[in-house]
Amino acid sequence: MCRRRNNPAETAWPLTCLGEIATRRGDFAAAHAALDEAQRLGRYTDSYWRVMIVRADLGDLALAEGQPEQALRYYRETLPVLLQAASSPIRKGRCAWRGWRKRWASTRSPPPC
């Protein structure tokens, strides 16, 4: 349904969830397919948060596949972003994430996907 509406953000989120489920079930090929497509679609959205969640899920997948070094790279990449977003105050009428993302982007470039 999301693909028919041609909305990358709406399509990326269900794919992320499918990738998480496939990882937990041990279906690593399906998890890679879903998470890789979610990551690709995430590049076309304005949601850096979603891209970081996909990267964290790729870390979970790497860990499940027995690749702890690769998992650690994904986790180290996402942890500062997720911690900062979690500690940002939520203000009425303003998205705290957008404000934080602008501050972060002004000092660093996003990691390559």
N, C-alpha and C. Protein backbone atom coordinates (compact mmCIF):
# COMPACT_ATOMS: atom_id res chain seq x y z
N MET A 1 0.82 -1.18 0.00
CA MET A 1 0.00 0.00 0.00
C MET A 1 0.88 1.26 0.00
N CYS A 2 1.91 1.28 0.85
CA CYS A 2 2.79 2.46 0.90
C CYS A 2 3.52 2.66 -0.41
N ARG A 3 3.93 1.56 -1.04
CA ARG A 3 4.65 1.67 -2.31
C ARG A 3 3.76 2.25 -3.39
N ARG A 4 2.47 1.90 -3.36
CA ARG A 4 1.56 2.43 -4.37
C ARG A 4 1.43 3.93 -4.26
N ARG A 5 1.53 4.46 -3.05
CA ARG A 5 1.41 5.90 -2.85
C ARG A 5 2.73 6.62 -3.11
N ASN A 6 3.79 5.85 -3.36
CA ASN A 6 5.11 6.41 -3.69
C ASN A 6 5.61 7.38 -2.62
N ASN A 7 5.54 6.92 -1.38
CA ASN A 7 6.02 7.73 -0.26
C ASN A 7 7.17 6.98 0.42
N PRO A 8 8.43 7.38 0.18
CA PRO A 8 9.56 6.65 0.75
C PRO A 8 9.53 6.54 2.27
N ALA A 9 9.11 7.60 2.96
CA ALA A 9 9.10 7.55 4.42
C ALA A 9 8.10 6.52 4.93
N GLU A 10 6.93 6.49 4.32
CA GLU A 10 5.92 5.52 4.75
C GLU A 10 6.30 4.10 4.39
N THR A 11 7.08 3.93 3.34
CA THR A 11 7.51 2.59 2.93
C THR A 11 8.69 2.13 3.78
N ALA A 12 9.59 3.03 4.12
CA ALA A 12 10.79 2.65 4.86
C ALA A 12 10.47 2.12 6.26
N TRP A 13 9.51 2.72 6.93
CA TRP A 13 9.23 2.31 8.31
C TRP A 13 8.73 0.87 8.41
N PRO A 14 7.73 0.44 7.62
CA PRO A 14 7.31 -0.96 7.69
C PRO A 14 8.43 -1.92 7.31
N LEU A 15 9.28 -1.52 6.35
CA LEU A 15 10.41 -2.37 5.99
C LEU A 15 11.38 -2.53 7.14
N THR A 16 11.57 -1.46 7.90
CA THR A 16 12.43 -1.54 9.09
C THR A 16 11.86 -2.55 10.08
N CYS A 17 10.57 -2.47 10.30
CA CYS A 17 9.92 -3.42 11.23
C CYS A 17 10.02 -4.85 10.72
N LEU A 18 9.83 -5.04 9.42
CA LEU A 18 9.97 -6.39 8.84
C LEU A 18 11.39 -6.91 9.00
N GLY A 19 12.36 -6.02 8.84
CA GLY A 19 13.75 -6.42 9.03
C GLY A 19 14.04 -6.85 10.46
N GLU A 20 13.46 -6.13 11.43
CA GLU A 20 13.62 -6.50 12.84
C GLU A 20 13.02 -7.87 13.11
N ILE A 21 11.83 -8.10 12.59
CA ILE A 21 11.15 -9.39 12.80
C ILE A 21 11.95 -10.52 12.15
N ALA A 22 12.42 -10.31 10.93
CA ALA A 22 13.20 -11.34 10.24
C ALA A 22 14.48 -11.65 11.00
N THR A 23 15.12 -10.64 11.56
CA THR A 23 16.34 -10.86 12.35
C THR A 23 16.03 -11.74 13.55
N ARG A 24 14.97 -11.42 14.26
CA ARG A 24 14.60 -12.21 15.45
C ARG A 24 14.23 -13.64 15.10
N ARG A 25 13.68 -13.85 13.92
CA ARG A 25 13.32 -15.20 13.48
C ARG A 25 14.50 -15.97 12.90
N GLY A 26 15.60 -15.29 12.66
CA GLY A 26 16.78 -15.95 12.10
C GLY A 26 16.79 -15.99 10.59
N ASP A 27 15.89 -15.29 9.93
CA ASP A 27 15.84 -15.22 8.48
C ASP A 27 16.69 -14.03 8.03
N PHE A 28 18.01 -14.24 8.00
CA PHE A 28 18.93 -13.15 7.76
C PHE A 28 18.85 -12.59 6.33
N ALA A 29 18.55 -13.44 5.36
CA ALA A 29 18.42 -12.96 3.98
C ALA A 29 17.25 -11.99 3.86
N ALA A 30 16.13 -12.33 4.46
CA ALA A 30 14.96 -11.44 4.42
C ALA A 30 15.24 -10.16 5.20
N ALA A 31 15.95 -10.28 6.32
CA ALA A 31 16.29 -9.11 7.12
C ALA A 31 17.18 -8.15 6.32
N HIS A 32 18.19 -8.70 5.65
CA HIS A 32 19.07 -7.86 4.82
C HIS A 32 18.27 -7.17 3.72
N ALA A 33 17.40 -7.91 3.06
CA ALA A 33 16.62 -7.33 1.96
C ALA A 33 15.75 -6.17 2.47
N ALA A 34 15.06 -6.39 3.57
CA ALA A 34 14.16 -5.35 4.10
C ALA A 34 14.94 -4.15 4.62
N LEU A 35 15.99 -4.38 5.39
CA LEU A 35 16.75 -3.27 5.98
C LEU A 35 17.54 -2.50 4.92
N ASP A 36 18.07 -3.20 3.92
CA ASP A 36 18.79 -2.51 2.86
C ASP A 36 17.85 -1.60 2.07
N GLU A 37 16.65 -2.10 1.79
CA GLU A 37 15.68 -1.25 1.07
C GLU A 37 15.21 -0.09 1.95
N ALA A 38 15.01 -0.34 3.23
CA ALA A 38 14.61 0.74 4.14
C ALA A 38 15.69 1.81 4.21
N GLN A 39 16.93 1.38 4.24
CA GLN A 39 18.04 2.34 4.27
C GLN A 39 18.10 3.14 2.98
N ARG A 40 17.92 2.47 1.85
CA ARG A 40 17.92 3.16 0.56
C ARG A 40 16.80 4.19 0.49
N LEU A 41 15.60 3.81 0.92
CA LEU A 41 14.47 4.72 0.90
C LEU A 41 14.64 5.84 1.92
N GLY A 42 15.29 5.55 3.03
CA GLY A 42 15.51 6.55 4.06
C GLY A 42 16.35 7.73 3.57
N ARG A 43 17.16 7.49 2.58
CA ARG A 43 17.99 8.56 2.02
C ARG A 43 17.14 9.62 1.32
N TYR A 44 15.93 9.23 0.92
CA TYR A 44 15.06 10.15 0.19
C TYR A 44 14.07 10.85 1.11
N THR A 45 14.19 10.64 2.39
CA THR A 45 13.28 11.28 3.34
C THR A 45 14.02 12.37 4.09
N ASP A 46 13.29 13.12 4.85
CA ASP A 46 13.88 14.17 5.67
C ASP A 46 14.08 13.68 7.11
N SER A 47 14.03 12.37 7.30
CA SER A 47 14.07 11.82 8.66
C SER A 47 15.40 11.12 8.92
N TYR A 48 16.35 11.89 9.43
CA TYR A 48 17.64 11.30 9.79
C TYR A 48 17.47 10.30 10.93
N TRP A 49 16.49 10.54 11.77
CA TRP A 49 16.18 9.63 12.88
C TRP A 49 15.89 8.24 12.35
N ARG A 50 15.07 8.14 11.33
CA ARG A 50 14.71 6.83 10.78
C ARG A 50 15.92 6.13 10.19
N VAL A 51 16.79 6.88 9.53
CA VAL A 51 18.00 6.28 8.97
C VAL A 51 18.85 5.70 10.10
N MET A 52 18.95 6.40 11.21
CA MET A 52 19.75 5.90 12.34
C MET A 52 19.12 4.65 12.95
N ILE A 53 17.81 4.58 12.99
CA ILE A 53 17.16 3.38 13.51
C ILE A 53 17.47 2.19 12.61
N VAL A 54 17.44 2.40 11.30
CA VAL A 54 17.79 1.32 10.37
C VAL A 54 19.23 0.89 10.60
N ARG A 55 20.12 1.85 10.79
CA ARG A 55 21.53 1.51 11.03
C ARG A 55 21.69 0.71 12.32
N ALA A 56 20.94 1.06 13.36
CA ALA A 56 20.99 0.29 14.61
C ALA A 56 20.45 -1.12 14.39
N ASP A 57 19.40 -1.25 13.59
CA ASP A 57 18.86 -2.57 13.29
C ASP A 57 19.85 -3.39 12.47
N LEU A 58 20.61 -2.74 11.59
CA LEU A 58 21.66 -3.46 10.87
C LEU A 58 22.74 -3.95 11.84
N GLY A 59 22.97 -3.19 12.90
CA GLY A 59 23.89 -3.64 13.93
C GLY A 59 23.36 -4.89 14.63
N ASP A 60 22.08 -4.90 14.93
CA ASP A 60 21.46 -6.09 15.54
C ASP A 60 21.60 -7.29 14.62
N LEU A 61 21.39 -7.06 13.33
CA LEU A 61 21.50 -8.14 12.34
C LEU A 61 22.93 -8.66 12.27
N ALA A 62 23.90 -7.77 12.24
CA ALA A 62 25.30 -8.19 12.19
C ALA A 62 25.66 -9.01 13.43
N LEU A 63 25.16 -8.58 14.58
CA LEU A 63 25.42 -9.32 15.81
C LEU A 63 24.80 -10.71 15.76
N ALA A 64 23.57 -10.79 15.25
CA ALA A 64 22.89 -12.09 15.13
C ALA A 64 23.63 -13.01 14.16
N GLU A 65 24.29 -12.43 13.17
CA GLU A 65 25.04 -13.21 12.19
C GLU A 65 26.44 -13.57 12.67
N GLY A 66 26.79 -13.15 13.87
CA GLY A 66 28.11 -13.46 14.42
C GLY A 66 29.20 -12.54 13.93
N GLN A 67 28.85 -11.28 13.63
CA GLN A 67 29.83 -10.30 13.18
C GLN A 67 29.88 -9.15 14.19
N PRO A 68 30.46 -9.38 15.36
CA PRO A 68 30.43 -8.35 16.41
C PRO A 68 31.18 -7.07 16.04
N GLU A 69 32.24 -7.17 15.23
CA GLU A 69 32.98 -5.97 14.85
C GLU A 69 32.11 -5.05 13.97
N GLN A 70 31.39 -5.66 13.03
CA GLN A 70 30.50 -4.89 12.16
C GLN A 70 29.36 -4.29 12.99
N ALA A 71 28.82 -5.06 13.91
CA ALA A 71 27.74 -4.57 14.77
C ALA A 71 28.21 -3.37 15.59
N LEU A 72 29.42 -3.47 16.12
CA LEU A 72 29.97 -2.38 16.91
C LEU A 72 30.12 -1.10 16.09
N ARG A 73 30.51 -1.24 14.83
CA ARG A 73 30.62 -0.06 13.96
C ARG A 73 29.25 0.61 13.78
N TYR A 74 28.23 -0.19 13.54
CA TYR A 74 26.88 0.37 13.40
C TYR A 74 26.44 1.04 14.70
N TYR A 75 26.65 0.37 15.83
CA TYR A 75 26.21 0.92 17.12
C TYR A 75 26.95 2.21 17.46
N ARG A 76 28.25 2.23 17.23
CA ARG A 76 29.02 3.45 17.53
C ARG A 76 28.57 4.62 16.67
N GLU A 77 28.17 4.34 15.45
CA GLU A 77 27.69 5.37 14.54
C GLU A 77 26.36 5.95 15.01
N THR A 78 25.49 5.11 15.52
CA THR A 78 24.14 5.56 15.86
C THR A 78 24.01 6.05 17.29
N LEU A 79 24.82 5.58 18.19
CA LEU A 79 24.63 5.89 19.61
C LEU A 79 24.63 7.38 19.93
N PRO A 80 25.59 8.17 19.47
CA PRO A 80 25.55 9.60 19.80
C PRO A 80 24.28 10.29 19.29
N VAL A 81 23.84 9.91 18.11
CA VAL A 81 22.65 10.52 17.52
C VAL A 81 21.42 10.17 18.36
N LEU A 82 21.28 8.90 18.69
CA LEU A 82 20.10 8.47 19.45
C LEU A 82 20.11 9.02 20.87
N LEU A 83 21.27 9.08 21.52
CA LEU A 83 21.34 9.64 22.87
C LEU A 83 21.00 11.12 22.89
N GLN A 84 21.52 11.85 21.91
CA GLN A 84 21.23 13.27 21.86
C GLN A 84 19.75 13.52 21.60
N ALA A 85 19.17 12.76 20.69
CA ALA A 85 17.75 12.93 20.41
C ALA A 85 16.91 12.59 21.63
N ALA A 86 17.31 11.56 22.37
CA ALA A 86 16.55 11.15 23.55
C ALA A 86 16.64 12.19 24.66
N SER A 87 17.73 12.93 24.71
CA SER A 87 17.89 13.90 25.80
C SER A 87 17.41 15.30 25.43
N SER A 88 16.98 15.49 24.19
CA SER A 88 16.49 16.80 23.76
C SER A 88 15.14 17.09 24.40
N PRO A 89 14.97 18.28 24.94
CA PRO A 89 13.66 18.62 25.53
C PRO A 89 12.61 18.79 24.44
N ILE A 90 11.42 18.39 24.75
CA ILE A 90 10.31 18.56 23.82
C ILE A 90 9.60 19.84 24.18
N ARG A 91 9.52 20.74 23.24
CA ARG A 91 8.88 22.03 23.48
C ARG A 91 7.56 22.09 22.73
N LYS A 92 6.61 22.72 23.35
CA LYS A 92 5.30 22.85 22.74
C LYS A 92 5.40 23.61 21.42
N GLY A 93 4.82 23.02 20.38
CA GLY A 93 4.79 23.69 19.09
C GLY A 93 6.07 23.57 18.29
N ARG A 94 7.05 22.83 18.79
CA ARG A 94 8.31 22.71 18.06
C ARG A 94 8.86 21.30 18.24
N CYS A 95 9.29 20.74 17.18
CA CYS A 95 9.88 19.41 17.23
C CYS A 95 11.32 19.51 17.72
N ALA A 96 11.61 18.94 18.86
CA ALA A 96 12.95 18.99 19.43
C ALA A 96 13.96 18.30 18.52
N TRP A 97 13.52 17.27 17.84
CA TRP A 97 14.44 16.55 16.98
C TRP A 97 14.94 17.43 15.83
N ARG A 98 14.05 18.21 15.21
CA ARG A 98 14.47 19.07 14.12
C ARG A 98 15.52 20.07 14.57
N GLY A 99 15.28 20.68 15.72
CA GLY A 99 16.25 21.64 16.24
C GLY A 99 17.59 21.00 16.54
N TRP A 100 17.55 19.82 17.12
CA TRP A 100 18.80 19.14 17.43
C TRP A 100 19.51 18.74 16.14
N ARG A 101 18.75 18.23 15.17
CA ARG A 101 19.34 17.78 13.92
C ARG A 101 20.07 18.92 13.23
N LYS A 102 19.49 20.13 13.26
CA LYS A 102 20.15 21.28 12.64
C LYS A 102 21.45 21.61 13.37
N ARG A 103 21.43 21.53 14.70
CA ARG A 103 22.66 21.80 15.46
C ARG A 103 23.72 20.76 15.14
N TRP A 104 23.32 19.50 15.10
CA TRP A 104 24.26 18.41 14.85
C TRP A 104 24.82 18.51 13.44
N ALA A 105 23.95 18.78 12.46
CA ALA A 105 24.37 18.83 11.06
C ALA A 105 25.33 19.99 10.82
N SER A 106 25.22 21.04 11.61
CA SER A 106 26.12 22.17 11.41
C SER A 106 27.54 21.86 11.86
N THR A 107 27.72 20.85 12.69
CA THR A 107 29.06 20.52 13.17
C THR A 107 29.61 19.25 12.55
N ARG A 108 28.72 18.43 12.00
CA ARG A 108 29.17 17.15 11.44
C ARG A 108 28.36 16.82 10.19
N SER A 109 28.95 16.06 9.33
CA SER A 109 28.17 15.57 8.20
C SER A 109 27.61 14.21 8.58
N PRO A 110 26.44 13.85 8.08
CA PRO A 110 25.86 12.55 8.41
C PRO A 110 26.77 11.44 7.93
N PRO A 111 26.78 10.32 8.64
CA PRO A 111 27.62 9.20 8.21
C PRO A 111 27.12 8.66 6.88
N PRO A 112 28.02 8.11 6.06
CA PRO A 112 27.57 7.57 4.78
C PRO A 112 26.72 6.34 5.00
N CYS A 113 25.71 6.21 4.20
CA CYS A 113 24.81 5.04 4.30
C CYS A 113 25.14 4.04 3.23
